[in-house]
Structures are given as structure tokens and as C-alpha cells.
Amino acid sequence: MIKHIFLDMDNTLLNSAGELSKGNISMIKHCGIPVTLVTARPPAAMRTTISQLALVDEQVAFNGGLIFKMTGSTYETLFSKGIAFKTVTQILATVQKAFPETSASWFTLQDWFTEKKSQAIIREANITHQKPVMMPFNELTQLTKTTIYKIMLISPTPADTEILEKYLQTLHFPGITITRSNRNYLEITNEEISKRNGILYLKKRNGLVKHELAAFGDGRNDMTMFDVVGTAIAMANAEPTVKKAADYVTRSNDADGVGYGIQKILAKNSH
């Protein structure tokens, strides 16, 4: 029996416009199973979805860098792990010099920072409904004592993303992991962080076992979730490698794939 469901957000729970469908809202609100969002997004970009779904359980942000509960408009932090500040500055300086066309952002608990408002940043703001704070790289010292959970790099094309990823890997920055979360996106977090570890933390916290867990995803970074749940479900719009790693493939994110998959889970739970 499935007792906890873990959901990626972008291109999984949310449709191509970055919105929740009525069908998914209804199914999740009435399924009677605890639901946790597991996403690269910061908490501020999860808040609307949490509210729409009336979620009361733990939530996973920054690909596992932050695990929290929301009480009204406040965050109760359960787990927190950021990137060393020196490493943040080294990575951003490297990208600024070698890949000036790449849009670089960095995230704290409360804020999303970027140096310039590019078309990529504007598009991301429209999707997440979060407003970035402009900060020149030379003012990063203001955040010396603030936890930076994630660096997000958006390249002009998928080919540029691949080049950037390979280049950064050759530099061997300490204590980080680099994940390609979308065709044009690289997400950099602490090396101890992953969606997998976020689920394992909550599995232990709530006394659950593997076969009681289900996860939905569409991207490569979601495959780490699939390793630690009993039921792994890929979206119809997922990459072929993600589908291959899943136990089942549901409908696409534009066809209420999450709601359809939960309906199948409920049917199995009832037997």
C-alpha cells in the first residue's frame, strides 16, 4: 500500500504553462495520502502550489538542500545544507568570464538573486511567479554569512548547456554536485544533496518503508528518487532514459498525468 507520494513540480505536476490543473488539484486534495513536493525550486516558488493543494506535510526544496514545513507564511526548517560561500564565488566568476551568455542565479532561503535580467530570467520569473533581486557579482560579499542553497545556470541552447556542464566538471570545484534539470538548465548544490536523500530523510523521519513510497518525475534528476521508492512513475513527456528507469509511465503533464497516476495508486491500495 502506498502511504506517501513524492512529486516533482516542473513538467510533472505542473503543465507546460507552469500551472496546476483542476484535475490534479482535485485528485491530490482528495486522495487521502500525504504528498511532498520534491523540486529544484526555492520555497517561495513552491508556496502557491502548496496553498492550492492544501499540503500540510514536509516539502523538499533545492533538490533536497532544504526540507521544511509551511505554517501560514513561515517556514519551519527541518534540514538545511548549502554550498560553501567561497565555492559559490569561484563558480560564478568562472561562468561570468568563460560563458557570458549564460544567465547565472543564486538562491537563499528567502531570495533569488541574479546579476542581470535576461530573457531567460524573465521567462523563469513568469514560470515560478518569483521576482529576482538584482545583485552585481562584486556585491556577493553581502551574503557571506547567508546560506546559499543553489546556483542555477541557464544557457542559450541545450548544446551550450552540455559544453558548460563538461567544462565545470573538469574544474573539480569542491563539495558540489552539478545536475542537468532541464535541457538548458544546470543546478549546482551541495554534493551531499539530492532528491534521493530528501526522500530518504523523510522515509526515516516518518517510519516508512520503500514499498510504501511512490514518486513521479520527468527529468534526469528525478531518477535518483526512483531508486528509493517502491513505485516509480515517469510522465509521458519524460526523457526516454527516465521512462526506462520507471516502473510505470503515466499521461503527460498536460493531460493530468499525476492525477491519473494517483488514481491508479488508489485503485491498487483498495485491493
C-alpha atoms as a PDB file:
ATOM      1  CA  MET A   1       0.000   0.000   0.000  1.00  0.00           C
ATOM      2  CA  ILE A   2       1.296   3.469  -0.936  1.00  0.00           C
ATOM      3  CA  LYS A   3       1.429   5.736   2.128  1.00  0.00           C
ATOM      4  CA  HIS A   4       3.391   8.724   0.791  1.00  0.00           C
ATOM      5  CA  ILE A   5       3.653  10.314  -2.660  1.00  0.00           C
ATOM      6  CA  PHE A   6       6.585  12.444  -3.853  1.00  0.00           C
ATOM      7  CA  LEU A   7       6.089  14.806  -6.791  1.00  0.00           C
ATOM      8  CA  ASP A   8       8.491  16.705  -8.984  1.00  0.00           C
ATOM      9  CA  MET A   9       6.934  20.037  -9.960  1.00  0.00           C
ATOM     10  CA  ASP A  10       8.024  21.425 -13.333  1.00  0.00           C
ATOM     11  CA  ASN A  11       6.905  19.324 -16.308  1.00  0.00           C
ATOM     12  CA  THR A  12       5.460  16.750 -13.902  1.00  0.00           C
ATOM     13  CA  LEU A  13       2.858  18.150 -11.516  1.00  0.00           C
ATOM     14  CA  LEU A  14       2.654  21.472 -13.370  1.00  0.00           C
ATOM     15  CA  ASN A  15       1.597  21.737 -17.006  1.00  0.00           C
ATOM     16  CA  SER A  16       3.625  23.356 -19.782  1.00  0.00           C
ATOM     17  CA  ALA A  17       2.415  26.794 -18.671  1.00  0.00           C
ATOM     18  CA  GLY A  18       3.767  26.136 -15.182  1.00  0.00           C
ATOM     19  CA  GLU A  19       0.280  25.857 -13.703  1.00  0.00           C
ATOM     20  CA  LEU A  20      -1.752  23.336 -11.721  1.00  0.00           C
ATOM     21  CA  SER A  21      -4.719  21.807 -13.496  1.00  0.00           C
ATOM     22  CA  LYS A  22      -8.096  21.484 -11.798  1.00  0.00           C
ATOM     23  CA  GLY A  23      -7.931  17.734 -12.288  1.00  0.00           C
ATOM     24  CA  ASN A  24      -4.621  17.392 -10.464  1.00  0.00           C
ATOM     25  CA  ILE A  25      -5.762  19.706  -7.662  1.00  0.00           C
ATOM     26  CA  SER A  26      -8.936  17.703  -7.079  1.00  0.00           C
ATOM     27  CA  MET A  27      -7.206  14.321  -7.130  1.00  0.00           C
ATOM     28  CA  ILE A  28      -4.391  15.347  -4.774  1.00  0.00           C
ATOM     29  CA  LYS A  29      -6.657  17.145  -2.300  1.00  0.00           C
ATOM     30  CA  HIS A  30      -8.953  14.132  -2.035  1.00  0.00           C
ATOM     31  CA  CYS A  31      -6.542  11.196  -2.329  1.00  0.00           C
ATOM     32  CA  GLY A  32      -6.031  10.838   1.414  1.00  0.00           C
ATOM     33  CA  ILE A  33      -2.288  10.186   1.011  1.00  0.00           C
ATOM     34  CA  PRO A  34       0.432  12.574   2.268  1.00  0.00           C
ATOM     35  CA  VAL A  35       2.077  14.430  -0.635  1.00  0.00           C
ATOM     36  CA  THR A  36       5.538  16.001  -0.711  1.00  0.00           C
ATOM     37  CA  LEU A  37       6.817  18.235  -3.492  1.00  0.00           C
ATOM     38  CA  VAL A  38      10.442  17.430  -4.365  1.00  0.00           C
ATOM     39  CA  THR A  39      11.831  20.171  -6.558  1.00  0.00           C
ATOM     40  CA  ALA A  40      14.820  22.294  -7.505  1.00  0.00           C
ATOM     41  CA  ARG A  41      12.669  25.344  -6.793  1.00  0.00           C
ATOM     42  CA  PRO A  42      13.116  27.549  -3.719  1.00  0.00           C
ATOM     43  CA  PRO A  43      10.331  27.623  -1.102  1.00  0.00           C
ATOM     44  CA  ALA A  44       8.973  30.955  -2.352  1.00  0.00           C
ATOM     45  CA  ALA A  45       8.345  29.402  -5.773  1.00  0.00           C
ATOM     46  CA  MET A  46       6.530  26.465  -4.133  1.00  0.00           C
ATOM     47  CA  ARG A  47       4.244  28.479  -1.876  1.00  0.00           C
ATOM     48  CA  THR A  48       1.370  28.963  -4.340  1.00  0.00           C
ATOM     49  CA  THR A  49       1.282  25.256  -5.207  1.00  0.00           C
ATOM     50  CA  ILE A  50       1.423  24.245  -1.535  1.00  0.00           C
ATOM     51  CA  SER A  51      -1.518  26.543  -0.842  1.00  0.00           C
ATOM     52  CA  GLN A  52      -3.563  25.385  -3.857  1.00  0.00           C
ATOM     53  CA  LEU A  53      -3.136  21.751  -2.823  1.00  0.00           C
ATOM     54  CA  ALA A  54      -3.575  22.459   0.918  1.00  0.00           C
ATOM     55  CA  LEU A  55      -0.405  20.478   1.661  1.00  0.00           C
ATOM     56  CA  VAL A  56       0.470  20.106   5.350  1.00  0.00           C
ATOM     57  CA  ASP A  57       3.339  17.613   5.212  1.00  0.00           C
ATOM     58  CA  GLU A  58       7.066  18.151   4.751  1.00  0.00           C
ATOM     59  CA  GLN A  59       8.283  19.662   1.488  1.00  0.00           C
ATOM     60  CA  VAL A  60      11.653  19.365  -0.284  1.00  0.00           C
ATOM     61  CA  ALA A  61      13.239  22.390  -1.974  1.00  0.00           C
ATOM     62  CA  PHE A  62      16.563  22.982  -3.757  1.00  0.00           C
ATOM     63  CA  ASN A  63      16.749  19.312  -4.863  1.00  0.00           C
ATOM     64  CA  GLY A  64      16.993  18.257  -1.208  1.00  0.00           C
ATOM     65  CA  GLY A  65      19.047  21.156   0.160  1.00  0.00           C
ATOM     66  CA  LEU A  66      16.139  22.310   2.291  1.00  0.00           C
ATOM     67  CA  ILE A  67      13.362  20.277   3.901  1.00  0.00           C
ATOM     68  CA  PHE A  68      10.639  22.309   5.549  1.00  0.00           C
ATOM     69  CA  LYS A  69       7.045  22.624   6.644  1.00  0.00           C
ATOM     70  CA  MET A  70       4.920  25.673   5.991  1.00  0.00           C
ATOM     71  CA  THR A  71       2.847  27.225   8.750  1.00  0.00           C
ATOM     72  CA  GLY A  72       0.962  30.116   7.250  1.00  0.00           C
ATOM     73  CA  SER A  73       3.643  32.271   5.626  1.00  0.00           C
ATOM     74  CA  THR A  74       6.532  30.983   7.779  1.00  0.00           C
ATOM     75  CA  TYR A  75       8.922  28.105   7.136  1.00  0.00           C
ATOM     76  CA  GLU A  76       9.803  25.523   9.764  1.00  0.00           C
ATOM     77  CA  THR A  77      13.211  24.250   8.666  1.00  0.00           C
ATOM     78  CA  LEU A  78      13.807  20.538   9.291  1.00  0.00           C
ATOM     79  CA  PHE A  79      17.016  20.099   7.268  1.00  0.00           C
ATOM     80  CA  SER A  80      19.355  22.607   5.626  1.00  0.00           C
ATOM     81  CA  LYS A  81      22.571  22.231   3.618  1.00  0.00           C
ATOM     82  CA  GLY A  82      24.057  24.925   1.374  1.00  0.00           C
ATOM     83  CA  ILE A  83      27.168  25.485  -0.750  1.00  0.00           C
ATOM     84  CA  ALA A  84      30.397  26.896   0.714  1.00  0.00           C
ATOM     85  CA  PHE A  85      30.456  30.643   0.027  1.00  0.00           C
ATOM     86  CA  LYS A  86      33.979  30.544  -1.450  1.00  0.00           C
ATOM     87  CA  THR A  87      32.867  27.902  -3.942  1.00  0.00           C
ATOM     88  CA  VAL A  88      29.829  29.988  -4.916  1.00  0.00           C
ATOM     89  CA  THR A  89      32.025  32.979  -5.755  1.00  0.00           C
ATOM     90  CA  GLN A  90      34.506  30.832  -7.707  1.00  0.00           C
ATOM     91  CA  ILE A  91      31.787  29.222  -9.810  1.00  0.00           C
ATOM     92  CA  LEU A  92      30.015  32.485 -10.592  1.00  0.00           C
ATOM     93  CA  ALA A  93      33.290  34.221 -11.512  1.00  0.00           C
ATOM     94  CA  THR A  94      34.191  31.321 -13.807  1.00  0.00           C
ATOM     95  CA  VAL A  95      30.818  31.352 -15.574  1.00  0.00           C
ATOM     96  CA  GLN A  96      30.832  35.142 -15.929  1.00  0.00           C
ATOM     97  CA  LYS A  97      34.245  35.063 -17.607  1.00  0.00           C
ATOM     98  CA  ALA A  98      34.013  31.941 -19.763  1.00  0.00           C
ATOM     99  CA  PHE A  99      30.281  31.833 -20.547  1.00  0.00           C
ATOM    100  CA  PRO A 100      28.984  35.437 -20.561  1.00  0.00           C
ATOM    101  CA  GLU A 101      25.810  34.447 -22.447  1.00  0.00           C
ATOM    102  CA  THR A 102      24.753  32.123 -19.615  1.00  0.00           C
ATOM    103  CA  SER A 103      22.262  33.527 -17.091  1.00  0.00           C
ATOM    104  CA  ALA A 104      23.533  32.857 -13.573  1.00  0.00           C
ATOM    105  CA  SER A 105      21.363  32.935 -10.428  1.00  0.00           C
ATOM    106  CA  TRP A 106      21.877  32.031  -6.782  1.00  0.00           C
ATOM    107  CA  PHE A 107      19.314  31.309  -4.096  1.00  0.00           C
ATOM    108  CA  THR A 108      18.982  31.834  -0.352  1.00  0.00           C
ATOM    109  CA  LEU A 109      16.027  30.791   1.809  1.00  0.00           C
ATOM    110  CA  GLN A 110      14.116  33.973   1.076  1.00  0.00           C
ATOM    111  CA  ASP A 111      15.545  35.391  -2.147  1.00  0.00           C
ATOM    112  CA  TRP A 112      16.512  34.673  -5.740  1.00  0.00           C
ATOM    113  CA  PHE A 113      19.487  36.749  -6.904  1.00  0.00           C
ATOM    114  CA  THR A 114      20.820  37.381 -10.402  1.00  0.00           C
ATOM    115  CA  GLU A 115      23.208  39.885 -11.943  1.00  0.00           C
ATOM    116  CA  LYS A 116      21.119  40.846 -14.966  1.00  0.00           C
ATOM    117  CA  LYS A 117      17.534  40.461 -16.125  1.00  0.00           C
ATOM    118  CA  SER A 118      17.962  38.406 -19.294  1.00  0.00           C
ATOM    119  CA  GLN A 119      15.170  36.858 -21.341  1.00  0.00           C
ATOM    120  CA  ALA A 120      15.909  33.545 -19.617  1.00  0.00           C
ATOM    121  CA  ILE A 121      15.470  35.149 -16.197  1.00  0.00           C
ATOM    122  CA  ILE A 122      12.236  36.858 -17.253  1.00  0.00           C
ATOM    123  CA  ARG A 123      10.905  33.528 -18.544  1.00  0.00           C
ATOM    124  CA  GLU A 124      11.847  31.782 -15.295  1.00  0.00           C
ATOM    125  CA  ALA A 125      10.159  34.530 -13.259  1.00  0.00           C
ATOM    126  CA  ASN A 126       6.956  34.100 -15.265  1.00  0.00           C
ATOM    127  CA  ILE A 127       7.009  30.330 -14.674  1.00  0.00           C
ATOM    128  CA  THR A 128       7.787  30.413 -10.949  1.00  0.00           C
ATOM    129  CA  HIS A 129       5.940  33.642 -10.090  1.00  0.00           C
ATOM    130  CA  GLN A 130       9.004  34.768  -8.156  1.00  0.00           C
ATOM    131  CA  LYS A 131      10.739  38.133  -8.583  1.00  0.00           C
ATOM    132  CA  PRO A 132      14.546  38.109  -8.794  1.00  0.00           C
ATOM    133  CA  VAL A 133      16.708  40.539  -6.836  1.00  0.00           C
ATOM    134  CA  MET A 134      19.380  42.248  -8.940  1.00  0.00           C
ATOM    135  CA  MET A 135      22.878  41.924  -7.440  1.00  0.00           C
ATOM    136  CA  PRO A 136      26.204  42.560  -9.226  1.00  0.00           C
ATOM    137  CA  PHE A 137      28.757  39.813  -8.639  1.00  0.00           C
ATOM    138  CA  ASN A 138      31.044  42.277  -6.848  1.00  0.00           C
ATOM    139  CA  GLU A 139      28.379  42.695  -4.133  1.00  0.00           C
ATOM    140  CA  LEU A 140      28.212  38.980  -3.288  1.00  0.00           C
ATOM    141  CA  THR A 141      30.123  39.661  -0.064  1.00  0.00           C
ATOM    142  CA  GLN A 142      26.800  40.874   1.383  1.00  0.00           C
ATOM    143  CA  LEU A 143      25.815  37.198   1.555  1.00  0.00           C
ATOM    144  CA  THR A 144      28.972  35.875   3.240  1.00  0.00           C
ATOM    145  CA  LYS A 145      27.032  34.740   6.321  1.00  0.00           C
ATOM    146  CA  THR A 146      23.875  33.704   4.448  1.00  0.00           C
ATOM    147  CA  THR A 147      23.275  30.119   3.308  1.00  0.00           C
ATOM    148  CA  ILE A 148      23.273  29.866  -0.481  1.00  0.00           C
ATOM    149  CA  TYR A 149      21.456  26.663  -1.402  1.00  0.00           C
ATOM    150  CA  LYS A 150      21.684  26.608  -5.161  1.00  0.00           C
ATOM    151  CA  ILE A 151      23.259  28.120  -8.236  1.00  0.00           C
ATOM    152  CA  MET A 152      21.117  27.990 -11.381  1.00  0.00           C
ATOM    153  CA  LEU A 153      22.727  28.367 -14.807  1.00  0.00           C
ATOM    154  CA  ILE A 154      20.539  28.830 -17.899  1.00  0.00           C
ATOM    155  CA  SER A 155      22.344  28.516 -21.226  1.00  0.00           C
ATOM    156  CA  PRO A 156      21.040  29.809 -24.575  1.00  0.00           C
ATOM    157  CA  THR A 157      20.789  26.296 -26.076  1.00  0.00           C
ATOM    158  CA  PRO A 158      20.955  22.646 -24.939  1.00  0.00           C
ATOM    159  CA  ALA A 159      24.296  22.326 -26.750  1.00  0.00           C
ATOM    160  CA  ASP A 160      25.669  25.259 -24.740  1.00  0.00           C
ATOM    161  CA  THR A 161      24.436  23.587 -21.550  1.00  0.00           C
ATOM    162  CA  GLU A 162      26.297  20.408 -22.403  1.00  0.00           C
ATOM    163  CA  ILE A 163      29.520  22.335 -23.066  1.00  0.00           C
ATOM    164  CA  LEU A 164      29.148  24.286 -19.829  1.00  0.00           C
ATOM    165  CA  GLU A 165      28.462  21.146 -17.789  1.00  0.00           C
ATOM    166  CA  LYS A 166      31.523  19.342 -19.155  1.00  0.00           C
ATOM    167  CA  TYR A 167      33.705  22.403 -18.587  1.00  0.00           C
ATOM    168  CA  LEU A 168      32.610  22.831 -14.959  1.00  0.00           C
ATOM    169  CA  GLN A 169      33.173  19.131 -14.285  1.00  0.00           C
ATOM    170  CA  THR A 170      36.804  19.461 -15.394  1.00  0.00           C
ATOM    171  CA  LEU A 171      37.428  22.189 -12.790  1.00  0.00           C
ATOM    172  CA  HIS A 172      36.571  19.898  -9.863  1.00  0.00           C
ATOM    173  CA  PHE A 173      35.053  22.518  -7.569  1.00  0.00           C
ATOM    174  CA  PRO A 174      34.944  21.022  -4.056  1.00  0.00           C
ATOM    175  CA  GLY A 175      31.781  19.964  -2.266  1.00  0.00           C
ATOM    176  CA  ILE A 176      29.255  20.358  -5.087  1.00  0.00           C
ATOM    177  CA  THR A 177      27.112  18.314  -7.431  1.00  0.00           C
ATOM    178  CA  ILE A 178      26.045  19.520 -10.884  1.00  0.00           C
ATOM    179  CA  THR A 179      22.680  18.338 -12.185  1.00  0.00           C
ATOM    180  CA  ARG A 180      21.076  18.965 -15.555  1.00  0.00           C
ATOM    181  CA  SER A 181      17.463  19.556 -14.532  1.00  0.00           C
ATOM    182  CA  ASN A 182      16.206  20.689 -17.924  1.00  0.00           C
ATOM    183  CA  ARG A 183      17.554  20.940 -21.462  1.00  0.00           C
ATOM    184  CA  ASN A 184      19.025  24.414 -20.862  1.00  0.00           C
ATOM    185  CA  TYR A 185      19.385  24.316 -17.063  1.00  0.00           C
ATOM    186  CA  LEU A 186      22.189  23.302 -14.720  1.00  0.00           C
ATOM    187  CA  GLU A 187      21.518  23.198 -10.977  1.00  0.00           C
ATOM    188  CA  ILE A 188      24.504  23.270  -8.600  1.00  0.00           C
ATOM    189  CA  THR A 189      24.019  22.229  -4.973  1.00  0.00           C
ATOM    190  CA  ASN A 190      25.988  20.749  -2.091  1.00  0.00           C
ATOM    191  CA  GLU A 191      27.414  17.329  -3.047  1.00  0.00           C
ATOM    192  CA  GLU A 192      25.516  15.681  -0.193  1.00  0.00           C
ATOM    193  CA  ILE A 193      22.209  16.864  -1.628  1.00  0.00           C
ATOM    194  CA  SER A 194      19.855  15.006  -3.956  1.00  0.00           C
ATOM    195  CA  LYS A 195      16.164  14.322  -4.350  1.00  0.00           C
ATOM    196  CA  ARG A 196      17.030  10.768  -3.326  1.00  0.00           C
ATOM    197  CA  ASN A 197      18.463  11.884   0.009  1.00  0.00           C
ATOM    198  CA  GLY A 198      15.471  14.159   0.597  1.00  0.00           C
ATOM    199  CA  ILE A 199      13.132  11.179   0.312  1.00  0.00           C
ATOM    200  CA  LEU A 200      15.382   9.013   2.499  1.00  0.00           C
ATOM    201  CA  TYR A 201      15.332  11.702   5.197  1.00  0.00           C
ATOM    202  CA  LEU A 202      11.518  11.745   5.223  1.00  0.00           C
ATOM    203  CA  LYS A 203      11.302   7.962   4.971  1.00  0.00           C
ATOM    204  CA  LYS A 204      13.307   7.680   8.193  1.00  0.00           C
ATOM    205  CA  ARG A 205      11.549  10.608   9.880  1.00  0.00           C
ATOM    206  CA  ASN A 206       8.101   9.129   9.254  1.00  0.00           C
ATOM    207  CA  GLY A 207       8.949   5.462   9.808  1.00  0.00           C
ATOM    208  CA  LEU A 208       8.094   4.403   6.262  1.00  0.00           C
ATOM    209  CA  VAL A 209       9.457   1.572   4.127  1.00  0.00           C
ATOM    210  CA  LYS A 210      10.374   1.573   0.450  1.00  0.00           C
ATOM    211  CA  HIS A 211       7.322  -0.246  -0.901  1.00  0.00           C
ATOM    212  CA  GLU A 212       5.055   2.362   0.750  1.00  0.00           C
ATOM    213  CA  LEU A 213       6.541   5.199  -1.325  1.00  0.00           C
ATOM    214  CA  ALA A 214       5.714   6.429  -4.839  1.00  0.00           C
ATOM    215  CA  ALA A 215       7.417   9.147  -6.883  1.00  0.00           C
ATOM    216  CA  PHE A 216       6.529  10.961 -10.107  1.00  0.00           C
ATOM    217  CA  GLY A 217       9.096  12.684 -12.335  1.00  0.00           C
ATOM    218  CA  ASP A 218      10.180  13.637 -15.842  1.00  0.00           C
ATOM    219  CA  GLY A 219      13.882  14.590 -15.708  1.00  0.00           C
ATOM    220  CA  ARG A 220      17.243  13.033 -15.043  1.00  0.00           C
ATOM    221  CA  ASN A 221      17.428  14.472 -11.531  1.00  0.00           C
ATOM    222  CA  ASP A 222      14.155  12.649 -10.741  1.00  0.00           C
ATOM    223  CA  MET A 223      15.753   9.279 -11.416  1.00  0.00           C
ATOM    224  CA  THR A 224      17.505   9.465  -8.044  1.00  0.00           C
ATOM    225  CA  MET A 225      14.029   9.394  -6.461  1.00  0.00           C
ATOM    226  CA  PHE A 226      13.137   6.274  -8.409  1.00  0.00           C
ATOM    227  CA  ASP A 227      15.933   4.331  -6.704  1.00  0.00           C
ATOM    228  CA  VAL A 228      14.435   4.692  -3.223  1.00  0.00           C
ATOM    229  CA  VAL A 229      10.684   4.250  -3.783  1.00  0.00           C
ATOM    230  CA  GLY A 230       8.627   1.132  -4.411  1.00  0.00           C
ATOM    231  CA  THR A 231       6.639   2.685  -7.258  1.00  0.00           C
ATOM    232  CA  ALA A 232       8.439   4.960  -9.747  1.00  0.00           C
ATOM    233  CA  ILE A 233       6.223   6.743 -12.264  1.00  0.00           C
ATOM    234  CA  ALA A 234       7.514   8.682 -15.280  1.00  0.00           C
ATOM    235  CA  MET A 235       5.494  11.198 -17.230  1.00  0.00           C
ATOM    236  CA  ALA A 236       4.630  10.570 -20.888  1.00  0.00           C
ATOM    237  CA  ASN A 237       6.608  13.743 -21.651  1.00  0.00           C
ATOM    238  CA  ALA A 238       9.701  12.459 -19.806  1.00  0.00           C
ATOM    239  CA  GLU A 239      13.035  11.738 -21.440  1.00  0.00           C
ATOM    240  CA  PRO A 240      13.395   8.154 -22.740  1.00  0.00           C
ATOM    241  CA  THR A 241      16.038   7.327 -20.104  1.00  0.00           C
ATOM    242  CA  VAL A 242      13.653   8.424 -17.346  1.00  0.00           C
ATOM    243  CA  LYS A 243      10.833   6.285 -18.739  1.00  0.00           C
ATOM    244  CA  LYS A 244      13.174   3.314 -18.891  1.00  0.00           C
ATOM    245  CA  ALA A 245      14.099   3.770 -15.222  1.00  0.00           C
ATOM    246  CA  ALA A 246      10.450   3.938 -14.080  1.00  0.00           C
ATOM    247  CA  ASP A 247       8.051   1.157 -13.164  1.00  0.00           C
ATOM    248  CA  TYR A 248       5.175   2.842 -14.995  1.00  0.00           C
ATOM    249  CA  VAL A 249       4.571   5.652 -17.465  1.00  0.00           C
ATOM    250  CA  THR A 250       1.525   7.840 -16.871  1.00  0.00           C
ATOM    251  CA  ARG A 251      -0.065  10.502 -19.061  1.00  0.00           C
ATOM    252  CA  SER A 252       1.760  13.747 -19.849  1.00  0.00           C
ATOM    253  CA  ASN A 253       1.891  16.793 -17.582  1.00  0.00           C
ATOM    254  CA  ASP A 254      -0.586  18.485 -19.930  1.00  0.00           C
ATOM    255  CA  ALA A 255      -3.058  15.598 -19.567  1.00  0.00           C
ATOM    256  CA  ASP A 256      -3.285  15.395 -15.752  1.00  0.00           C
ATOM    257  CA  GLY A 257      -0.671  12.651 -15.663  1.00  0.00           C
ATOM    258  CA  VAL A 258      -0.111  12.974 -11.922  1.00  0.00           C
ATOM    259  CA  GLY A 259      -3.829  12.795 -11.153  1.00  0.00           C
ATOM    260  CA  TYR A 260      -4.214   9.798 -13.457  1.00  0.00           C
ATOM    261  CA  GLY A 261      -1.294   8.039 -11.801  1.00  0.00           C
ATOM    262  CA  ILE A 262      -2.639   8.708  -8.305  1.00  0.00           C
ATOM    263  CA  GLN A 263      -5.996   7.310  -9.400  1.00  0.00           C
ATOM    264  CA  LYS A 264      -4.202   4.069 -10.351  1.00  0.00           C
ATOM    265  CA  ILE A 265      -2.399   4.059  -6.979  1.00  0.00           C
ATOM    266  CA  LEU A 266      -5.697   4.444  -5.125  1.00  0.00           C
ATOM    267  CA  ALA A 267      -7.173   1.558  -7.110  1.00  0.00           C
ATOM    268  CA  LYS A 268      -4.255  -0.674  -6.103  1.00  0.00           C
ATOM    269  CA  ASN A 269      -4.449   0.483  -2.474  1.00  0.00           C
ATOM    270  CA  SER A 270      -8.082  -0.576  -2.332  1.00  0.00           C
ATOM    271  CA  HIS A 271      -7.297  -4.192  -3.294  1.00  0.00           C
END
